[in-house]
């Protein structure tokens, strides 16, 4: 029986820390997992929401994708970028806690993260599926994810060298995750 790790992020006094708990369990469906996108910003334009929903519904039942929106901290009132990111990080952390009741892998989307090809993302997704833990993907607010969230994440990935609007980043991410799934599923969506 494999030892599975669950990671819980706790936000206290401006710092995120990892609390790692070891445990063992037997899974009837070792490859069943959930993709959870946690994104700062509530309302997406209709075109972006329609595109996101179209790709999200294509995922197979053993790999559902859900999106949880987190309130953007208002950019008025004279708060510093650090204070704004800290407030958003508290909301993100609470959402991570409620996103999954089993082990989870946290992946922060970050402009300084690792760039992946479609094939590399497909291999990464396949590895996540084999591990069986849920994968939580974070898209920070207008100022990006809080540095403590970035540091606490298991991985940091970059979608593009370009700066993308948040709505487009969500659509691009869900499309690339679907494409990555299709590579190993033998689905004709992706062509080399």
N, C-alpha and C. Protein backbone atom coordinates (compact mmCIF):
# COMPACT_ATOMS: atom_id res chain seq x y z
N UNK A 1 0.84 -1.19 0.00
CA UNK A 1 0.00 0.00 0.00
C UNK A 1 0.88 1.23 0.00
N UNK A 2 0.66 2.13 -0.94
CA UNK A 2 1.51 3.31 -1.03
C UNK A 2 1.21 4.32 0.05
N UNK A 3 2.22 5.07 0.40
CA UNK A 3 2.03 6.19 1.33
C UNK A 3 1.67 7.40 0.49
N UNK A 4 0.58 8.03 0.85
CA UNK A 4 0.13 9.21 0.12
C UNK A 4 0.32 10.43 0.99
N UNK A 5 0.68 11.52 0.38
CA UNK A 5 0.92 12.76 1.10
C UNK A 5 -0.18 13.74 0.81
N UNK A 6 -0.65 14.38 1.83
CA UNK A 6 -1.59 15.48 1.61
C UNK A 6 -0.93 16.74 2.14
N UNK A 7 -1.13 17.81 1.43
CA UNK A 7 -0.52 19.08 1.82
C UNK A 7 -1.64 20.06 2.11
N UNK A 8 -1.52 20.73 3.23
CA UNK A 8 -2.49 21.74 3.61
C UNK A 8 -1.76 23.06 3.73
N UNK A 9 -2.22 24.07 3.04
CA UNK A 9 -1.63 25.40 3.14
C UNK A 9 -2.38 26.17 4.20
N UNK A 10 -1.65 26.81 5.09
CA UNK A 10 -2.26 27.61 6.14
C UNK A 10 -1.71 29.01 6.03
N UNK A 11 -2.59 29.99 6.03
CA UNK A 11 -2.18 31.38 5.90
C UNK A 11 -2.26 32.03 7.28
N UNK A 12 -1.13 32.44 7.81
CA UNK A 12 -1.09 33.09 9.12
C UNK A 12 -0.11 34.24 9.07
N UNK A 13 -0.56 35.37 9.50
CA UNK A 13 0.28 36.56 9.64
C UNK A 13 1.14 36.80 8.40
N UNK A 14 0.52 36.63 7.22
CA UNK A 14 1.23 36.94 5.99
C UNK A 14 2.14 35.85 5.49
N UNK A 15 2.11 34.67 6.06
CA UNK A 15 2.99 33.61 5.58
C UNK A 15 2.20 32.33 5.38
N UNK A 16 2.50 31.63 4.31
CA UNK A 16 1.90 30.33 4.07
C UNK A 16 2.90 29.28 4.51
N UNK A 17 2.42 28.28 5.17
CA UNK A 17 3.32 27.20 5.57
C UNK A 17 2.69 25.88 5.18
N UNK A 18 3.51 24.92 4.98
CA UNK A 18 3.01 23.60 4.62
C UNK A 18 2.90 22.75 5.87
N UNK A 19 1.79 22.12 5.99
CA UNK A 19 1.61 21.11 7.02
C UNK A 19 1.47 19.80 6.28
N UNK A 20 2.45 18.96 6.39
CA UNK A 20 2.43 17.71 5.65
C UNK A 20 2.03 16.60 6.60
N UNK A 21 1.05 15.86 6.17
CA UNK A 21 0.58 14.74 6.97
C UNK A 21 0.75 13.49 6.14
N UNK A 22 1.40 12.51 6.70
CA UNK A 22 1.56 11.25 5.98
C UNK A 22 0.41 10.34 6.36
N UNK A 23 -0.02 9.58 5.42
CA UNK A 23 -1.08 8.62 5.69
C UNK A 23 -1.06 7.60 4.59
N UNK A 24 -1.69 6.48 4.83
CA UNK A 24 -1.77 5.48 3.77
C UNK A 24 -3.23 5.17 3.53
N UNK A 25 -3.51 4.85 2.33
CA UNK A 25 -4.86 4.47 1.99
C UNK A 25 -4.82 3.64 0.72
N UNK A 26 -5.85 2.89 0.52
CA UNK A 26 -5.97 2.09 -0.69
C UNK A 26 -7.06 2.71 -1.54
N UNK A 27 -6.77 2.93 -2.79
CA UNK A 27 -7.75 3.54 -3.68
C UNK A 27 -8.29 2.50 -4.64
N UNK A 28 -9.59 2.43 -4.73
CA UNK A 28 -10.20 1.54 -5.70
C UNK A 28 -9.93 2.05 -7.11
N UNK A 29 -9.90 3.37 -7.27
CA UNK A 29 -9.65 3.98 -8.56
C UNK A 29 -8.39 4.82 -8.46
N UNK A 30 -7.24 4.18 -8.65
CA UNK A 30 -5.96 4.84 -8.46
C UNK A 30 -5.76 6.02 -9.40
N UNK A 31 -6.45 6.02 -10.54
CA UNK A 31 -6.23 7.09 -11.51
C UNK A 31 -7.31 8.17 -11.47
N UNK A 32 -8.25 8.05 -10.56
CA UNK A 32 -9.32 9.03 -10.46
C UNK A 32 -8.81 10.25 -9.69
N UNK A 33 -8.97 11.40 -10.28
CA UNK A 33 -8.54 12.63 -9.64
C UNK A 33 -9.40 13.77 -10.15
N UNK A 34 -9.27 14.90 -9.51
CA UNK A 34 -10.03 16.08 -9.89
C UNK A 34 -9.03 17.21 -10.15
N UNK A 35 -9.30 17.99 -11.20
CA UNK A 35 -8.55 19.21 -11.46
C UNK A 35 -9.38 20.37 -10.94
N UNK A 36 -8.79 21.17 -10.06
CA UNK A 36 -9.50 22.31 -9.49
C UNK A 36 -8.73 23.57 -9.86
N UNK A 37 -9.38 24.44 -10.60
CA UNK A 37 -8.78 25.72 -10.94
C UNK A 37 -9.30 26.76 -9.96
N UNK A 38 -8.40 27.37 -9.20
CA UNK A 38 -8.76 28.45 -8.29
C UNK A 38 -8.20 29.73 -8.90
N UNK A 39 -9.11 30.64 -9.25
CA UNK A 39 -8.70 31.85 -9.95
C UNK A 39 -9.25 33.07 -9.24
N UNK A 40 -8.40 34.07 -9.06
CA UNK A 40 -8.84 35.33 -8.47
C UNK A 40 -9.62 36.09 -9.55
N UNK A 41 -10.80 36.57 -9.18
CA UNK A 41 -11.66 37.30 -10.11
C UNK A 41 -12.96 36.54 -10.31
N UNK A 42 -14.07 37.21 -10.08
CA UNK A 42 -15.35 36.53 -10.09
C UNK A 42 -15.97 36.42 -11.47
N UNK A 43 -16.13 37.50 -12.16
CA UNK A 43 -16.93 37.53 -13.38
C UNK A 43 -16.03 37.52 -14.62
N UNK A 44 -16.22 36.50 -15.45
CA UNK A 44 -15.51 36.46 -16.72
C UNK A 44 -16.45 36.99 -17.80
N UNK A 45 -15.90 37.58 -18.87
CA UNK A 45 -16.76 37.98 -19.98
C UNK A 45 -17.50 36.76 -20.53
N UNK A 46 -18.66 36.98 -21.13
CA UNK A 46 -19.48 35.87 -21.62
C UNK A 46 -18.72 34.97 -22.59
N UNK A 47 -17.93 35.56 -23.50
CA UNK A 47 -17.19 34.74 -24.46
C UNK A 47 -16.20 33.82 -23.76
N UNK A 48 -15.54 34.33 -22.72
CA UNK A 48 -14.55 33.53 -22.00
C UNK A 48 -15.23 32.43 -21.18
N UNK A 49 -16.34 32.77 -20.54
CA UNK A 49 -17.07 31.78 -19.76
C UNK A 49 -17.59 30.66 -20.66
N UNK A 50 -18.11 31.03 -21.85
CA UNK A 50 -18.61 30.02 -22.79
C UNK A 50 -17.48 29.10 -23.26
N UNK A 51 -16.32 29.68 -23.57
CA UNK A 51 -15.17 28.87 -24.01
C UNK A 51 -14.68 27.97 -22.88
N UNK A 52 -14.58 28.53 -21.67
CA UNK A 52 -14.14 27.73 -20.53
C UNK A 52 -15.10 26.56 -20.30
N UNK A 53 -16.39 26.84 -20.28
CA UNK A 53 -17.39 25.80 -20.03
C UNK A 53 -17.35 24.73 -21.11
N UNK A 54 -17.13 25.14 -22.36
CA UNK A 54 -17.08 24.18 -23.46
C UNK A 54 -15.95 23.17 -23.25
N UNK A 55 -14.77 23.64 -22.89
CA UNK A 55 -13.66 22.72 -22.65
C UNK A 55 -13.85 21.93 -21.36
N UNK A 56 -14.32 22.56 -20.31
CA UNK A 56 -14.48 21.88 -19.02
C UNK A 56 -15.43 20.68 -19.13
N UNK A 57 -16.47 20.80 -19.94
CA UNK A 57 -17.43 19.69 -20.05
C UNK A 57 -16.89 18.54 -20.89
N UNK A 58 -15.80 18.74 -21.60
CA UNK A 58 -15.20 17.68 -22.43
C UNK A 58 -14.39 16.67 -21.62
N UNK A 59 -13.99 17.04 -20.40
CA UNK A 59 -13.15 16.14 -19.62
C UNK A 59 -13.93 14.89 -19.26
N UNK A 60 -13.25 13.74 -19.20
CA UNK A 60 -13.94 12.49 -18.86
C UNK A 60 -14.35 12.47 -17.39
N UNK A 61 -15.29 11.60 -17.03
CA UNK A 61 -15.78 11.55 -15.64
C UNK A 61 -14.67 11.27 -14.62
N UNK A 62 -13.64 10.54 -15.01
CA UNK A 62 -12.56 10.23 -14.06
C UNK A 62 -11.57 11.38 -13.92
N UNK A 63 -11.77 12.46 -14.68
CA UNK A 63 -10.89 13.63 -14.59
C UNK A 63 -11.73 14.91 -14.71
N UNK A 64 -12.62 15.14 -13.74
CA UNK A 64 -13.43 16.35 -13.83
C UNK A 64 -12.60 17.60 -13.55
N UNK A 65 -13.02 18.71 -14.16
CA UNK A 65 -12.38 19.99 -13.93
C UNK A 65 -13.43 20.96 -13.39
N UNK A 66 -13.12 21.59 -12.27
CA UNK A 66 -14.02 22.58 -11.70
C UNK A 66 -13.24 23.88 -11.50
N UNK A 67 -13.97 24.99 -11.55
CA UNK A 67 -13.36 26.29 -11.33
C UNK A 67 -13.99 26.94 -10.11
N UNK A 68 -13.15 27.43 -9.22
CA UNK A 68 -13.60 28.15 -8.04
C UNK A 68 -13.02 29.56 -8.11
N UNK A 69 -13.91 30.53 -8.19
CA UNK A 69 -13.48 31.92 -8.26
C UNK A 69 -13.30 32.49 -6.86
N UNK A 70 -12.28 33.31 -6.72
CA UNK A 70 -11.96 33.96 -5.46
C UNK A 70 -12.07 35.47 -5.67
N UNK A 71 -12.66 36.14 -4.73
CA UNK A 71 -12.88 37.59 -4.84
C UNK A 71 -11.55 38.35 -4.96
N UNK A 72 -11.51 39.25 -5.93
CA UNK A 72 -10.36 40.14 -6.09
C UNK A 72 -10.43 41.21 -5.00
N UNK A 73 -9.32 41.48 -4.37
CA UNK A 73 -9.25 42.56 -3.39
C UNK A 73 -9.38 43.88 -4.14
N UNK A 74 -10.27 44.77 -3.71
CA UNK A 74 -10.44 46.05 -4.40
C UNK A 74 -9.11 46.82 -4.50
N UNK A 75 -8.85 47.36 -5.68
CA UNK A 75 -7.60 48.08 -5.93
C UNK A 75 -7.71 49.55 -5.58
N UNK A 76 -8.60 49.89 -4.70
CA UNK A 76 -8.71 51.27 -4.22
C UNK A 76 -8.46 51.27 -2.72
N UNK A 77 -8.24 52.40 -2.17
CA UNK A 77 -8.04 52.48 -0.72
C UNK A 77 -6.60 52.59 -0.30
N UNK A 78 -5.68 52.71 -1.24
CA UNK A 78 -4.29 52.96 -0.90
C UNK A 78 -3.50 51.76 -0.37
N UNK A 79 -4.00 50.54 -0.55
CA UNK A 79 -3.25 49.38 -0.10
C UNK A 79 -2.08 49.12 -1.05
N UNK A 80 -1.00 48.59 -0.49
CA UNK A 80 0.15 48.23 -1.30
C UNK A 80 -0.14 46.93 -2.05
N UNK A 81 0.65 46.65 -3.08
CA UNK A 81 0.49 45.40 -3.83
C UNK A 81 0.65 44.20 -2.89
N UNK A 82 1.57 44.31 -1.95
CA UNK A 82 1.80 43.23 -0.99
C UNK A 82 0.55 42.98 -0.14
N UNK A 83 -0.09 44.04 0.32
CA UNK A 83 -1.32 43.91 1.12
C UNK A 83 -2.45 43.31 0.29
N UNK A 84 -2.55 43.72 -0.96
CA UNK A 84 -3.59 43.19 -1.84
C UNK A 84 -3.39 41.70 -2.08
N UNK A 85 -2.16 41.33 -2.40
CA UNK A 85 -1.85 39.90 -2.63
C UNK A 85 -2.07 39.09 -1.37
N UNK A 86 -1.75 39.66 -0.21
CA UNK A 86 -1.92 38.97 1.07
C UNK A 86 -3.40 38.69 1.33
N UNK A 87 -4.25 39.66 1.08
CA UNK A 87 -5.69 39.47 1.28
C UNK A 87 -6.22 38.39 0.33
N UNK A 88 -5.79 38.42 -0.92
CA UNK A 88 -6.22 37.41 -1.89
C UNK A 88 -5.67 36.04 -1.52
N UNK A 89 -4.45 35.99 -1.01
CA UNK A 89 -3.85 34.71 -0.61
C UNK A 89 -4.64 34.06 0.51
N UNK A 90 -5.16 34.86 1.42
CA UNK A 90 -5.99 34.29 2.49
C UNK A 90 -7.23 33.62 1.93
N UNK A 91 -7.85 34.24 0.94
CA UNK A 91 -9.04 33.66 0.30
C UNK A 91 -8.66 32.40 -0.50
N UNK A 92 -7.53 32.48 -1.19
CA UNK A 92 -7.08 31.33 -1.99
C UNK A 92 -6.82 30.14 -1.07
N UNK A 93 -6.13 30.39 0.04
CA UNK A 93 -5.80 29.32 0.97
C UNK A 93 -7.06 28.66 1.52
N UNK A 94 -8.05 29.46 1.89
CA UNK A 94 -9.31 28.90 2.39
C UNK A 94 -9.99 28.07 1.31
N UNK A 95 -9.91 28.51 0.07
CA UNK A 95 -10.53 27.77 -1.04
C UNK A 95 -9.77 26.47 -1.31
N UNK A 96 -8.45 26.50 -1.20
CA UNK A 96 -7.66 25.27 -1.35
C UNK A 96 -8.11 24.24 -0.32
N UNK A 97 -8.27 24.70 0.91
CA UNK A 97 -8.69 23.80 2.00
C UNK A 97 -10.01 23.12 1.70
N UNK A 98 -10.94 23.85 1.08
CA UNK A 98 -12.26 23.29 0.82
C UNK A 98 -12.35 22.58 -0.53
N UNK A 99 -11.30 22.66 -1.33
CA UNK A 99 -11.36 22.14 -2.70
C UNK A 99 -11.31 20.63 -2.78
N UNK A 100 -10.70 19.99 -1.81
CA UNK A 100 -10.52 18.55 -1.90
C UNK A 100 -10.43 17.97 -0.51
N UNK A 101 -11.03 16.80 -0.33
CA UNK A 101 -10.94 16.14 0.97
C UNK A 101 -9.95 14.99 0.94
N UNK A 102 -9.13 14.94 -0.11
CA UNK A 102 -8.08 13.94 -0.17
C UNK A 102 -6.77 14.64 -0.47
N UNK A 103 -5.72 13.90 -0.73
CA UNK A 103 -4.44 14.51 -1.03
C UNK A 103 -4.54 15.44 -2.21
N UNK A 104 -3.71 16.47 -2.21
CA UNK A 104 -3.75 17.43 -3.32
C UNK A 104 -2.34 17.90 -3.66
N UNK A 105 -2.19 18.23 -4.91
CA UNK A 105 -0.96 18.81 -5.42
C UNK A 105 -1.30 20.22 -5.86
N UNK A 106 -0.55 21.20 -5.37
CA UNK A 106 -0.82 22.60 -5.67
C UNK A 106 0.17 23.07 -6.74
N UNK A 107 -0.40 23.62 -7.82
CA UNK A 107 0.41 24.12 -8.94
C UNK A 107 0.04 25.59 -9.14
N UNK A 108 1.01 26.47 -8.95
CA UNK A 108 0.77 27.91 -9.12
C UNK A 108 1.15 28.32 -10.54
N UNK A 109 0.26 29.07 -11.18
CA UNK A 109 0.58 29.65 -12.48
C UNK A 109 1.34 30.94 -12.19
N UNK A 110 2.52 31.05 -12.77
CA UNK A 110 3.41 32.15 -12.43
C UNK A 110 4.27 32.49 -13.63
N UNK A 111 4.45 33.77 -13.90
CA UNK A 111 5.25 34.19 -15.05
C UNK A 111 6.70 33.72 -14.94
N UNK A 112 7.16 33.38 -13.75
CA UNK A 112 8.52 32.89 -13.56
C UNK A 112 8.58 31.37 -13.44
N UNK A 113 7.44 30.72 -13.70
CA UNK A 113 7.37 29.26 -13.59
C UNK A 113 8.01 28.56 -14.78
N UNK A 114 7.95 27.25 -14.74
CA UNK A 114 8.50 26.41 -15.79
C UNK A 114 7.59 26.42 -17.01
N UNK A 115 8.19 26.63 -18.18
CA UNK A 115 7.43 26.57 -19.43
C UNK A 115 7.41 25.11 -19.89
N UNK A 116 6.25 24.66 -20.35
CA UNK A 116 6.11 23.28 -20.80
C UNK A 116 5.59 23.25 -22.23
N UNK A 117 6.02 22.26 -22.98
CA UNK A 117 5.42 21.99 -24.27
C UNK A 117 4.12 21.22 -24.01
N UNK A 118 3.31 21.07 -25.05
CA UNK A 118 2.08 20.30 -24.91
C UNK A 118 2.39 18.87 -24.48
N UNK A 119 3.38 18.26 -25.08
CA UNK A 119 3.77 16.89 -24.74
C UNK A 119 4.24 16.81 -23.29
N UNK A 120 5.03 17.77 -22.84
CA UNK A 120 5.51 17.78 -21.46
C UNK A 120 4.35 17.96 -20.48
N UNK A 121 3.38 18.81 -20.83
CA UNK A 121 2.21 18.97 -19.97
C UNK A 121 1.40 17.68 -19.96
N UNK A 122 1.29 17.01 -21.10
CA UNK A 122 0.57 15.74 -21.16
C UNK A 122 1.24 14.70 -20.25
N UNK A 123 2.56 14.65 -20.28
CA UNK A 123 3.28 13.72 -19.40
C UNK A 123 3.10 14.08 -17.94
N UNK A 124 3.11 15.38 -17.64
CA UNK A 124 2.90 15.84 -16.27
C UNK A 124 1.50 15.45 -15.79
N UNK A 125 0.50 15.68 -16.64
CA UNK A 125 -0.88 15.33 -16.29
C UNK A 125 -1.01 13.83 -16.07
N UNK A 126 -0.38 13.05 -16.90
CA UNK A 126 -0.43 11.60 -16.73
C UNK A 126 0.21 11.19 -15.39
N UNK A 127 1.31 11.83 -15.04
CA UNK A 127 1.94 11.56 -13.74
C UNK A 127 1.04 11.93 -12.58
N UNK A 128 0.36 13.08 -12.69
CA UNK A 128 -0.58 13.49 -11.64
C UNK A 128 -1.70 12.46 -11.52
N UNK A 129 -2.21 11.98 -12.67
CA UNK A 129 -3.28 11.00 -12.63
C UNK A 129 -2.82 9.70 -11.98
N UNK A 130 -1.61 9.27 -12.27
CA UNK A 130 -1.10 8.05 -11.67
C UNK A 130 -0.91 8.20 -10.17
N UNK A 131 -0.55 9.40 -9.73
CA UNK A 131 -0.40 9.64 -8.29
C UNK A 131 -1.76 9.62 -7.60
N UNK A 132 -2.81 10.04 -8.32
CA UNK A 132 -4.17 9.96 -7.79
C UNK A 132 -4.62 11.13 -6.93
N UNK A 133 -3.72 12.03 -6.57
CA UNK A 133 -4.12 13.19 -5.78
C UNK A 133 -4.81 14.21 -6.67
N UNK A 134 -5.71 14.97 -6.08
CA UNK A 134 -6.32 16.07 -6.82
C UNK A 134 -5.25 17.11 -7.11
N UNK A 135 -5.41 17.84 -8.21
CA UNK A 135 -4.46 18.89 -8.57
C UNK A 135 -5.20 20.22 -8.52
N UNK A 136 -4.66 21.14 -7.73
CA UNK A 136 -5.22 22.47 -7.58
C UNK A 136 -4.31 23.44 -8.33
N UNK A 137 -4.87 24.11 -9.35
CA UNK A 137 -4.12 25.06 -10.16
C UNK A 137 -4.53 26.46 -9.75
N UNK A 138 -3.56 27.31 -9.44
CA UNK A 138 -3.84 28.66 -8.93
C UNK A 138 -3.51 29.72 -9.97
N UNK A 139 -4.48 30.62 -10.19
CA UNK A 139 -4.23 31.83 -10.98
C UNK A 139 -4.43 33.00 -10.02
N UNK A 140 -3.36 33.73 -9.74
CA UNK A 140 -3.42 34.84 -8.80
C UNK A 140 -4.17 36.04 -9.36
N UNK A 141 -4.20 37.08 -8.58
CA UNK A 141 -4.89 38.31 -8.95
C UNK A 141 -4.07 39.17 -9.91
N UNK A 142 -4.47 40.42 -10.08
CA UNK A 142 -3.77 41.32 -11.01
C UNK A 142 -2.29 41.49 -10.70
N UNK A 143 -1.91 41.33 -9.44
CA UNK A 143 -0.50 41.44 -9.05
C UNK A 143 0.18 40.09 -8.96
N UNK A 144 -0.52 39.03 -9.36
CA UNK A 144 0.04 37.68 -9.30
C UNK A 144 -0.23 37.03 -7.96
N UNK A 145 0.25 35.79 -7.81
CA UNK A 145 0.07 35.11 -6.53
C UNK A 145 1.03 35.66 -5.47
N UNK A 146 0.60 35.65 -4.23
CA UNK A 146 1.46 36.09 -3.13
C UNK A 146 2.74 35.24 -3.13
N UNK A 147 3.89 35.83 -2.84
CA UNK A 147 5.15 35.06 -2.84
C UNK A 147 5.10 33.82 -1.95
N UNK A 148 4.38 33.88 -0.84
CA UNK A 148 4.30 32.71 0.04
C UNK A 148 3.50 31.59 -0.62
N UNK A 149 2.48 31.94 -1.40
CA UNK A 149 1.73 30.91 -2.14
C UNK A 149 2.62 30.28 -3.20
N UNK A 150 3.37 31.11 -3.90
CA UNK A 150 4.29 30.59 -4.91
C UNK A 150 5.29 29.61 -4.28
N UNK A 151 5.84 30.02 -3.15
CA UNK A 151 6.84 29.19 -2.48
C UNK A 151 6.24 27.89 -1.94
N UNK A 152 4.99 27.94 -1.49
CA UNK A 152 4.36 26.76 -0.90
C UNK A 152 3.84 25.77 -1.94
N UNK A 153 3.68 26.22 -3.18
CA UNK A 153 3.18 25.33 -4.22
C UNK A 153 4.19 24.24 -4.54
N UNK A 154 3.68 23.08 -4.93
CA UNK A 154 4.55 21.98 -5.34
C UNK A 154 5.28 22.30 -6.64
N UNK A 155 4.58 23.03 -7.51
CA UNK A 155 5.15 23.38 -8.80
C UNK A 155 4.69 24.77 -9.19
N UNK A 156 5.48 25.40 -10.06
CA UNK A 156 5.08 26.68 -10.67
C UNK A 156 5.22 26.52 -12.17
N UNK A 157 4.13 26.79 -12.87
CA UNK A 157 4.13 26.67 -14.32
C UNK A 157 3.82 28.01 -14.96
N UNK A 158 4.34 28.21 -16.16
CA UNK A 158 4.10 29.42 -16.94
C UNK A 158 3.31 29.03 -18.18
N UNK A 159 2.22 29.76 -18.43
CA UNK A 159 1.42 29.50 -19.62
C UNK A 159 2.04 30.12 -20.87
N UNK A 160 2.67 31.27 -20.71
CA UNK A 160 3.16 32.01 -21.87
C UNK A 160 4.22 33.01 -21.42
N UNK A 161 5.05 33.40 -22.35
CA UNK A 161 5.98 34.50 -22.08
C UNK A 161 5.26 35.84 -22.19
N UNK A 162 4.07 35.83 -22.76
CA UNK A 162 3.28 37.05 -22.91
C UNK A 162 2.43 37.28 -21.66
N UNK A 163 2.06 38.51 -21.40
CA UNK A 163 1.13 38.82 -20.33
C UNK A 163 -0.27 38.61 -20.88
N UNK A 164 -1.07 37.81 -20.16
CA UNK A 164 -2.41 37.46 -20.62
C UNK A 164 -3.47 38.03 -19.68
N UNK A 165 -4.59 38.48 -20.22
CA UNK A 165 -5.71 38.85 -19.34
C UNK A 165 -6.18 37.59 -18.60
N UNK A 166 -6.71 37.78 -17.40
CA UNK A 166 -7.11 36.63 -16.59
C UNK A 166 -8.12 35.72 -17.29
N UNK A 167 -9.09 36.32 -17.96
CA UNK A 167 -10.10 35.50 -18.63
C UNK A 167 -9.46 34.63 -19.71
N UNK A 168 -8.54 35.19 -20.46
CA UNK A 168 -7.87 34.43 -21.50
C UNK A 168 -6.96 33.36 -20.89
N UNK A 169 -6.32 33.67 -19.78
CA UNK A 169 -5.47 32.68 -19.11
C UNK A 169 -6.29 31.47 -18.67
N UNK A 170 -7.48 31.70 -18.15
CA UNK A 170 -8.35 30.58 -17.75
C UNK A 170 -8.70 29.71 -18.95
N UNK A 171 -9.08 30.35 -20.05
CA UNK A 171 -9.46 29.60 -21.25
C UNK A 171 -8.26 28.85 -21.80
N UNK A 172 -7.11 29.51 -21.88
CA UNK A 172 -5.90 28.86 -22.38
C UNK A 172 -5.52 27.67 -21.51
N UNK A 173 -5.60 27.83 -20.20
CA UNK A 173 -5.25 26.73 -19.30
C UNK A 173 -6.17 25.53 -19.48
N UNK A 174 -7.47 25.76 -19.49
CA UNK A 174 -8.40 24.63 -19.62
C UNK A 174 -8.25 23.96 -20.98
N UNK A 175 -8.00 24.74 -22.03
CA UNK A 175 -7.79 24.14 -23.36
C UNK A 175 -6.53 23.29 -23.37
N UNK A 176 -5.46 23.80 -22.77
CA UNK A 176 -4.20 23.05 -22.77
C UNK A 176 -4.29 21.79 -21.90
N UNK A 177 -5.03 21.86 -20.80
CA UNK A 177 -5.23 20.66 -19.98
C UNK A 177 -6.04 19.62 -20.74
N UNK A 178 -7.06 20.07 -21.46
CA UNK A 178 -7.85 19.14 -22.27
C UNK A 178 -6.97 18.54 -23.37
N UNK A 179 -6.19 19.37 -24.03
CA UNK A 179 -5.28 18.88 -25.07
C UNK A 179 -4.29 17.87 -24.48
N UNK A 180 -3.76 18.18 -23.30
CA UNK A 180 -2.81 17.27 -22.64
C UNK A 180 -3.48 15.92 -22.35
N UNK A 181 -4.70 15.96 -21.87
CA UNK A 181 -5.43 14.72 -21.62
C UNK A 181 -5.60 13.94 -22.93
N UNK A 182 -5.94 14.64 -24.02
CA UNK A 182 -6.21 13.97 -25.30
C UNK A 182 -4.98 13.27 -25.86
N UNK A 183 -3.79 13.78 -25.55
CA UNK A 183 -2.55 13.17 -26.05
C UNK A 183 -2.44 11.73 -25.58
N UNK A 184 -2.60 11.49 -24.29
CA UNK A 184 -2.42 10.14 -23.75
C UNK A 184 -3.69 9.29 -23.86
N UNK A 185 -4.82 9.94 -24.08
CA UNK A 185 -6.07 9.19 -24.23
C UNK A 185 -6.23 8.67 -25.66
N UNK A 186 -5.35 9.10 -26.56
CA UNK A 186 -5.46 8.69 -27.95
C UNK A 186 -6.61 9.38 -28.67
N UNK A 187 -7.09 10.47 -28.12
CA UNK A 187 -8.18 11.22 -28.72
C UNK A 187 -7.62 12.04 -29.89
N UNK A 188 -8.37 12.19 -30.96
CA UNK A 188 -7.84 12.89 -32.14
C UNK A 188 -7.76 14.41 -32.01
N UNK A 189 -8.12 14.99 -30.87
CA UNK A 189 -8.10 16.45 -30.71
C UNK A 189 -6.71 17.03 -30.99
N UNK A 190 -5.67 16.38 -30.44
CA UNK A 190 -4.30 16.89 -30.63
C UNK A 190 -3.64 16.15 -31.78
N UNK A 191 -2.98 16.91 -32.63
CA UNK A 191 -2.23 16.32 -33.74
C UNK A 191 -0.80 16.85 -33.69
N UNK A 192 0.12 15.97 -33.92
CA UNK A 192 1.53 16.36 -33.95
C UNK A 192 1.93 16.71 -35.37
